[in-house]
Each structure stands twice: as C-alpha cells, then as structure tokens.
All heavy atoms as atom14 arrays in JSON, in Angstrom:
{
  "sequence": "GDAVMTQPLLANIKEQYPEAKIDVLASTWVAPI",
  "atom14_mask": [
    [1, 1, 1, 1, 0, 0, 0, 0, 0, 0, 0, 0, 0, 0],
    [1, 1, 1, 1, 1, 1, 1, 1, 0, 0, 0, 0, 0, 0],
    [1, 1, 1, 1, 1, 0, 0, 0, 0, 0, 0, 0, 0, 0],
    [1, 1, 1, 1, 1, 1, 1, 0, 0, 0, 0, 0, 0, 0],
    [1, 1, 1, 1, 1, 1, 1, 1, 0, 0, 0, 0, 0, 0],
    [1, 1, 1, 1, 1, 1, 1, 0, 0, 0, 0, 0, 0, 0],
    [1, 1, 1, 1, 1, 1, 1, 1, 1, 0, 0, 0, 0, 0],
    [1, 1, 1, 1, 1, 1, 1, 0, 0, 0, 0, 0, 0, 0],
    [1, 1, 1, 1, 1, 1, 1, 1, 0, 0, 0, 0, 0, 0],
    [1, 1, 1, 1, 1, 1, 1, 1, 0, 0, 0, 0, 0, 0],
    [1, 1, 1, 1, 1, 0, 0, 0, 0, 0, 0, 0, 0, 0],
    [1, 1, 1, 1, 1, 1, 1, 1, 0, 0, 0, 0, 0, 0],
    [1, 1, 1, 1, 1, 1, 1, 1, 0, 0, 0, 0, 0, 0],
    [1, 1, 1, 1, 1, 1, 1, 1, 1, 0, 0, 0, 0, 0],
    [1, 1, 1, 1, 1, 1, 1, 1, 1, 0, 0, 0, 0, 0],
    [1, 1, 1, 1, 1, 1, 1, 1, 1, 0, 0, 0, 0, 0],
    [1, 1, 1, 1, 1, 1, 1, 1, 1, 1, 1, 1, 0, 0],
    [1, 1, 1, 1, 1, 1, 1, 0, 0, 0, 0, 0, 0, 0],
    [1, 1, 1, 1, 1, 1, 1, 1, 1, 0, 0, 0, 0, 0],
    [1, 1, 1, 1, 1, 0, 0, 0, 0, 0, 0, 0, 0, 0],
    [1, 1, 1, 1, 1, 1, 1, 1, 1, 0, 0, 0, 0, 0],
    [1, 1, 1, 1, 1, 1, 1, 1, 0, 0, 0, 0, 0, 0],
    [1, 1, 1, 1, 1, 1, 1, 1, 0, 0, 0, 0, 0, 0],
    [1, 1, 1, 1, 1, 1, 1, 0, 0, 0, 0, 0, 0, 0],
    [1, 1, 1, 1, 1, 1, 1, 1, 0, 0, 0, 0, 0, 0],
    [1, 1, 1, 1, 1, 0, 0, 0, 0, 0, 0, 0, 0, 0],
    [1, 1, 1, 1, 1, 1, 0, 0, 0, 0, 0, 0, 0, 0],
    [1, 1, 1, 1, 1, 1, 1, 0, 0, 0, 0, 0, 0, 0],
    [1, 1, 1, 1, 1, 1, 1, 1, 1, 1, 1, 1, 1, 1],
    [1, 1, 1, 1, 1, 1, 1, 0, 0, 0, 0, 0, 0, 0],
    [1, 1, 1, 1, 1, 0, 0, 0, 0, 0, 0, 0, 0, 0],
    [1, 1, 1, 1, 1, 1, 1, 0, 0, 0, 0, 0, 0, 0],
    [1, 1, 1, 1, 1, 1, 1, 1, 0, 0, 0, 0, 0, 0]
  ],
  "atom14_positions": [
    [[0.85, -1.19, -0.02], [-0.05, 0.01, -0.01], [0.84, 1.24, -0.01], [0.57, 2.2, -0.76], [0.0, 0.0, 0.0], [0.0, 0.0, 0.0], [0.0, 0.0, 0.0], [0.0, 0.0, 0.0], [0.0, 0.0, 0.0], [0.0, 0.0, 0.0], [0.0, 0.0, 0.0], [0.0, 0.0, 0.0], [0.0, 0.0, 0.0], [0.0, 0.0, 0.0]],
    [[1.92, 1.24, 0.84], [2.74, 2.41, 0.91], [3.47, 2.64, -0.45], [3.68, 3.74, -0.92], [3.83, 2.22, 1.95], [3.29, 2.38, 3.4], [2.09, 2.66, 3.49], [4.01, 2.17, 4.37], [0.0, 0.0, 0.0], [0.0, 0.0, 0.0], [0.0, 0.0, 0.0], [0.0, 0.0, 0.0], [0.0, 0.0, 0.0], [0.0, 0.0, 0.0]],
    [[3.88, 1.58, -1.03], [4.57, 1.63, -2.42], [3.63, 2.21, -3.43], [4.07, 3.13, -4.18], [4.97, 0.21, -2.86], [0.0, 0.0, 0.0], [0.0, 0.0, 0.0], [0.0, 0.0, 0.0], [0.0, 0.0, 0.0], [0.0, 0.0, 0.0], [0.0, 0.0, 0.0], [0.0, 0.0, 0.0], [0.0, 0.0, 0.0], [0.0, 0.0, 0.0]],
    [[2.35, 1.86, -3.42], [1.4, 2.44, -4.38], [1.34, 3.97, -4.11], [1.28, 4.79, -5.11], [0.03, 1.82, -4.27], [-0.99, 2.53, -5.11], [0.06, 0.31, -4.59], [0.0, 0.0, 0.0], [0.0, 0.0, 0.0], [0.0, 0.0, 0.0], [0.0, 0.0, 0.0], [0.0, 0.0, 0.0], [0.0, 0.0, 0.0], [0.0, 0.0, 0.0]],
    [[1.34, 4.37, -2.89], [1.25, 5.74, -2.53], [2.41, 6.65, -2.85], [2.35, 7.82, -2.83], [1.04, 5.96, -0.91], [-0.27, 5.31, -0.39], [-1.66, 6.29, -0.81], [-2.8, 4.96, -1.05], [0.0, 0.0, 0.0], [0.0, 0.0, 0.0], [0.0, 0.0, 0.0], [0.0, 0.0, 0.0], [0.0, 0.0, 0.0], [0.0, 0.0, 0.0]],
    [[3.5, 6.0, -3.29], [4.69, 6.77, -3.72], [4.57, 7.15, -5.18], [5.42, 7.95, -5.67], [5.96, 6.0, -3.38], [6.06, 4.85, -4.28], [6.15, 5.6, -1.95], [0.0, 0.0, 0.0], [0.0, 0.0, 0.0], [0.0, 0.0, 0.0], [0.0, 0.0, 0.0], [0.0, 0.0, 0.0], [0.0, 0.0, 0.0], [0.0, 0.0, 0.0]],
    [[3.67, 6.55, -5.99], [3.77, 6.86, -7.48], [3.53, 8.3, -7.78], [4.28, 8.8, -8.67], [2.71, 6.0, -8.11], [2.71, 6.0, -9.62], [1.94, 7.22, -10.22], [0.97, 7.58, -9.7], [2.46, 7.68, -11.37], [0.0, 0.0, 0.0], [0.0, 0.0, 0.0], [0.0, 0.0, 0.0], [0.0, 0.0, 0.0], [0.0, 0.0, 0.0]],
    [[2.72, 9.1, -7.11], [2.65, 10.52, -7.45], [4.04, 11.29, -7.16], [4.33, 12.21, -7.99], [1.5, 11.09, -6.48], [0.62, 9.87, -6.31], [1.65, 8.68, -6.25], [0.0, 0.0, 0.0], [0.0, 0.0, 0.0], [0.0, 0.0, 0.0], [0.0, 0.0, 0.0], [0.0, 0.0, 0.0], [0.0, 0.0, 0.0], [0.0, 0.0, 0.0]],
    [[4.74, 10.78, -6.21], [6.09, 11.37, -5.98], [6.96, 11.06, -7.21], [7.59, 12.08, -7.7], [6.72, 10.78, -4.79], [8.23, 11.02, -4.6], [8.54, 12.59, -4.28], [8.89, 10.16, -3.46], [0.0, 0.0, 0.0], [0.0, 0.0, 0.0], [0.0, 0.0, 0.0], [0.0, 0.0, 0.0], [0.0, 0.0, 0.0], [0.0, 0.0, 0.0]],
    [[6.91, 9.9, -7.72], [7.65, 9.53, -8.95], [7.28, 10.41, -10.1], [8.11, 10.92, -10.88], [7.58, 8.08, -9.32], [7.93, 7.1, -8.25], [7.85, 5.61, -8.84], [9.25, 7.28, -7.62], [0.0, 0.0, 0.0], [0.0, 0.0, 0.0], [0.0, 0.0, 0.0], [0.0, 0.0, 0.0], [0.0, 0.0, 0.0], [0.0, 0.0, 0.0]],
    [[5.95, 10.56, -10.27], [5.45, 11.44, -11.37], [5.96, 12.86, -11.27], [6.25, 13.53, -12.18], [3.89, 11.26, -11.37], [0.0, 0.0, 0.0], [0.0, 0.0, 0.0], [0.0, 0.0, 0.0], [0.0, 0.0, 0.0], [0.0, 0.0, 0.0], [0.0, 0.0, 0.0], [0.0, 0.0, 0.0], [0.0, 0.0, 0.0], [0.0, 0.0, 0.0]],
    [[5.89, 13.38, -9.91], [6.31, 14.74, -9.76], [7.8, 14.89, -10.09], [8.22, 15.89, -10.57], [5.93, 15.1, -8.33], [6.16, 16.59, -8.07], [6.87, 17.03, -7.15], [5.45, 17.43, -8.8], [0.0, 0.0, 0.0], [0.0, 0.0, 0.0], [0.0, 0.0, 0.0], [0.0, 0.0, 0.0], [0.0, 0.0, 0.0], [0.0, 0.0, 0.0]],
    [[8.6, 13.9, -9.62], [10.03, 14.08, -9.84], [10.28, 14.09, -11.4], [11.08, 14.82, -12.0], [10.78, 12.89, -9.28], [10.71, 12.93, -7.77], [12.28, 12.82, -9.73], [11.21, 11.67, -7.05], [0.0, 0.0, 0.0], [0.0, 0.0, 0.0], [0.0, 0.0, 0.0], [0.0, 0.0, 0.0], [0.0, 0.0, 0.0], [0.0, 0.0, 0.0]],
    [[9.52, 13.24, -12.14], [9.64, 13.13, -13.61], [9.18, 14.47, -14.28], [9.79, 14.88, -15.29], [8.83, 11.9, -14.08], [9.18, 11.52, -15.48], [10.63, 10.86, -15.57], [10.93, 10.34, -16.87], [12.31, 10.06, -17.03], [0.0, 0.0, 0.0], [0.0, 0.0, 0.0], [0.0, 0.0, 0.0], [0.0, 0.0, 0.0], [0.0, 0.0, 0.0]],
    [[8.25, 15.07, -13.68], [7.79, 16.37, -14.2], [8.92, 17.42, -13.94], [9.12, 18.3, -14.88], [6.54, 16.91, -13.43], [5.19, 16.52, -14.09], [4.05, 17.07, -13.34], [4.1, 18.23, -12.81], [2.95, 16.36, -13.25], [0.0, 0.0, 0.0], [0.0, 0.0, 0.0], [0.0, 0.0, 0.0], [0.0, 0.0, 0.0], [0.0, 0.0, 0.0]],
    [[9.58, 17.4, -12.8], [10.59, 18.39, -12.53], [11.8, 18.13, -13.37], [12.49, 19.05, -13.82], [11.0, 18.29, -11.05], [9.97, 18.89, -10.09], [10.5, 18.89, -8.7], [11.58, 19.4, -8.42], [9.69, 18.32, -7.74], [0.0, 0.0, 0.0], [0.0, 0.0, 0.0], [0.0, 0.0, 0.0], [0.0, 0.0, 0.0], [0.0, 0.0, 0.0]],
    [[12.17, 16.87, -13.65], [13.38, 16.41, -14.27], [13.12, 15.46, -15.37], [13.3, 14.16, -15.16], [14.36, 15.82, -13.23], [14.77, 16.7, -12.16], [14.12, 16.74, -10.91], [15.62, 17.81, -12.34], [14.38, 17.63, -9.91], [15.98, 18.71, -11.31], [15.44, 18.59, -10.13], [15.68, 19.43, -9.08], [0.0, 0.0, 0.0], [0.0, 0.0, 0.0]],
    [[12.53, 15.86, -16.42], [12.07, 14.91, -17.43], [13.18, 13.98, -18.04], [12.85, 12.86, -18.55], [11.5, 15.84, -18.64], [11.3, 17.2, -17.99], [12.28, 17.29, -16.85], [0.0, 0.0, 0.0], [0.0, 0.0, 0.0], [0.0, 0.0, 0.0], [0.0, 0.0, 0.0], [0.0, 0.0, 0.0], [0.0, 0.0, 0.0], [0.0, 0.0, 0.0]],
    [[14.38, 14.49, -17.99], [15.45, 13.7, -18.63], [16.01, 12.7, -17.63], [16.85, 11.8, -18.04], [16.6, 14.68, -19.02], [16.26, 15.77, -20.09], [15.62, 15.15, -21.31], [16.24, 14.19, -21.84], [14.57, 15.64, -21.82], [0.0, 0.0, 0.0], [0.0, 0.0, 0.0], [0.0, 0.0, 0.0], [0.0, 0.0, 0.0], [0.0, 0.0, 0.0]],
    [[15.66, 12.79, -16.33], [16.21, 11.88, -15.38], [15.74, 10.43, -15.45], [14.57, 10.21, -15.9], [15.89, 12.46, -13.94], [0.0, 0.0, 0.0], [0.0, 0.0, 0.0], [0.0, 0.0, 0.0], [0.0, 0.0, 0.0], [0.0, 0.0, 0.0], [0.0, 0.0, 0.0], [0.0, 0.0, 0.0], [0.0, 0.0, 0.0], [0.0, 0.0, 0.0]],
    [[16.68, 9.54, -15.23], [16.37, 8.1, -15.16], [16.01, 7.82, -13.72], [16.96, 7.97, -12.85], [17.41, 7.28, -15.69], [17.54, 7.33, -17.27], [18.44, 6.34, -17.81], [18.45, 6.36, -19.21], [19.55, 5.48, -19.87], [0.0, 0.0, 0.0], [0.0, 0.0, 0.0], [0.0, 0.0, 0.0], [0.0, 0.0, 0.0], [0.0, 0.0, 0.0]],
    [[14.82, 7.33, -13.39], [14.49, 7.0, -12.02], [14.55, 5.5, -11.9], [13.8, 4.72, -12.51], [13.04, 7.5, -11.77], [12.9, 9.08, -11.92], [12.64, 7.18, -10.29], [11.61, 9.66, -11.82], [0.0, 0.0, 0.0], [0.0, 0.0, 0.0], [0.0, 0.0, 0.0], [0.0, 0.0, 0.0], [0.0, 0.0, 0.0], [0.0, 0.0, 0.0]],
    [[15.43, 5.04, -11.03], [15.54, 3.55, -10.64], [15.04, 3.38, -9.21], [15.07, 4.27, -8.43], [17.04, 3.18, -10.75], [17.57, 3.2, -12.17], [16.77, 3.31, -13.16], [18.83, 3.0, -12.32], [0.0, 0.0, 0.0], [0.0, 0.0, 0.0], [0.0, 0.0, 0.0], [0.0, 0.0, 0.0], [0.0, 0.0, 0.0], [0.0, 0.0, 0.0]],
    [[14.5, 2.22, -8.95], [13.84, 1.98, -7.74], [14.58, 0.72, -7.08], [14.56, -0.33, -7.71], [12.46, 1.72, -7.7], [11.84, 1.38, -6.37], [11.7, 2.95, -8.29], [0.0, 0.0, 0.0], [0.0, 0.0, 0.0], [0.0, 0.0, 0.0], [0.0, 0.0, 0.0], [0.0, 0.0, 0.0], [0.0, 0.0, 0.0], [0.0, 0.0, 0.0]],
    [[15.1, 0.8, -5.91], [15.58, -0.33, -5.13], [14.45, -0.88, -4.22], [13.98, -0.09, -3.34], [16.87, 0.05, -4.34], [17.42, -1.04, -3.46], [17.95, -2.26, -4.24], [18.5, -0.48, -2.59], [0.0, 0.0, 0.0], [0.0, 0.0, 0.0], [0.0, 0.0, 0.0], [0.0, 0.0, 0.0], [0.0, 0.0, 0.0], [0.0, 0.0, 0.0]],
    [[13.99, -2.05, -4.49], [12.79, -2.52, -3.71], [13.04, -3.94, -3.33], [13.67, -4.74, -3.96], [11.6, -2.28, -4.63], [0.0, 0.0, 0.0], [0.0, 0.0, 0.0], [0.0, 0.0, 0.0], [0.0, 0.0, 0.0], [0.0, 0.0, 0.0], [0.0, 0.0, 0.0], [0.0, 0.0, 0.0], [0.0, 0.0, 0.0], [0.0, 0.0, 0.0]],
    [[12.28, -4.32, -2.3], [12.23, -5.76, -1.87], [11.45, -6.52, -2.95], [10.62, -5.96, -3.66], [11.47, -5.84, -0.52], [10.15, -5.55, -0.66], [0.0, 0.0, 0.0], [0.0, 0.0, 0.0], [0.0, 0.0, 0.0], [0.0, 0.0, 0.0], [0.0, 0.0, 0.0], [0.0, 0.0, 0.0], [0.0, 0.0, 0.0], [0.0, 0.0, 0.0]],
    [[11.68, -7.81, -3.05], [11.0, -8.56, -4.09], [9.52, -8.57, -3.89], [8.75, -8.62, -4.78], [11.47, -10.1, -4.03], [11.45, -10.46, -2.63], [12.92, -10.28, -4.39], [0.0, 0.0, 0.0], [0.0, 0.0, 0.0], [0.0, 0.0, 0.0], [0.0, 0.0, 0.0], [0.0, 0.0, 0.0], [0.0, 0.0, 0.0], [0.0, 0.0, 0.0]],
    [[9.05, -8.31, -2.73], [7.66, -8.21, -2.28], [6.96, -7.06, -2.96], [5.89, -7.19, -3.46], [7.53, -8.14, -0.82], [6.14, -8.06, -0.19], [5.72, -7.0, 0.56], [5.08, -8.94, -0.31], [4.32, -7.24, 0.92], [4.0, -8.49, 0.32], [4.87, -10.18, -1.04], [2.77, -9.09, 0.41], [3.74, -10.84, -0.93], [2.66, -10.28, -0.2]],
    [[7.59, -5.81, -3.0], [6.94, -4.67, -3.56], [7.47, -4.29, -4.96], [6.87, -3.46, -5.61], [7.09, -3.45, -2.66], [6.32, -3.7, -1.26], [8.46, -2.96, -2.56], [0.0, 0.0, 0.0], [0.0, 0.0, 0.0], [0.0, 0.0, 0.0], [0.0, 0.0, 0.0], [0.0, 0.0, 0.0], [0.0, 0.0, 0.0], [0.0, 0.0, 0.0]],
    [[8.5, -5.02, -5.43], [9.07, -4.66, -6.78], [7.98, -4.58, -7.89], [7.99, -3.75, -8.74], [10.04, -5.72, -7.14], [0.0, 0.0, 0.0], [0.0, 0.0, 0.0], [0.0, 0.0, 0.0], [0.0, 0.0, 0.0], [0.0, 0.0, 0.0], [0.0, 0.0, 0.0], [0.0, 0.0, 0.0], [0.0, 0.0, 0.0], [0.0, 0.0, 0.0]],
    [[6.9, -5.49, -7.87], [5.95, -5.48, -9.0], [5.15, -4.18, -9.06], [4.73, -3.73, -10.15], [4.96, -6.65, -8.62], [5.78, -7.62, -7.87], [6.8, -6.75, -7.0], [0.0, 0.0, 0.0], [0.0, 0.0, 0.0], [0.0, 0.0, 0.0], [0.0, 0.0, 0.0], [0.0, 0.0, 0.0], [0.0, 0.0, 0.0], [0.0, 0.0, 0.0]],
    [[5.03, -3.4, -7.94], [4.35, -2.15, -7.95], [5.1, -1.19, -8.78], [4.54, -0.5, -9.65], [4.24, -1.54, -6.55], [3.31, -2.52, -5.57], [3.69, -0.2, -6.52], [1.95, -2.74, -6.11], [0.0, 0.0, 0.0], [0.0, 0.0, 0.0], [0.0, 0.0, 0.0], [0.0, 0.0, 0.0], [0.0, 0.0, 0.0], [0.0, 0.0, 0.0]]
  ]
}
C-alpha cells in the first residue's frame, strides 16, 4: 500500500526532471508495484 502511495512522488520528480532516469531499489515483495 505504501509503495502504491509513492507513485505521485515519482510522477512529480519526472515532471521536474524529465530527462532523469528514475531507478527503484525494492524488496522482491513490492518490486511489482
């Protein structure tokens, strides 16, 4: 649930820095999100 709630943060970072590559380090449990 917390992982889903972070998606708007990712979208906002992408808006601020369109050229940036955003990588995520996640446990195998939440990686599919």
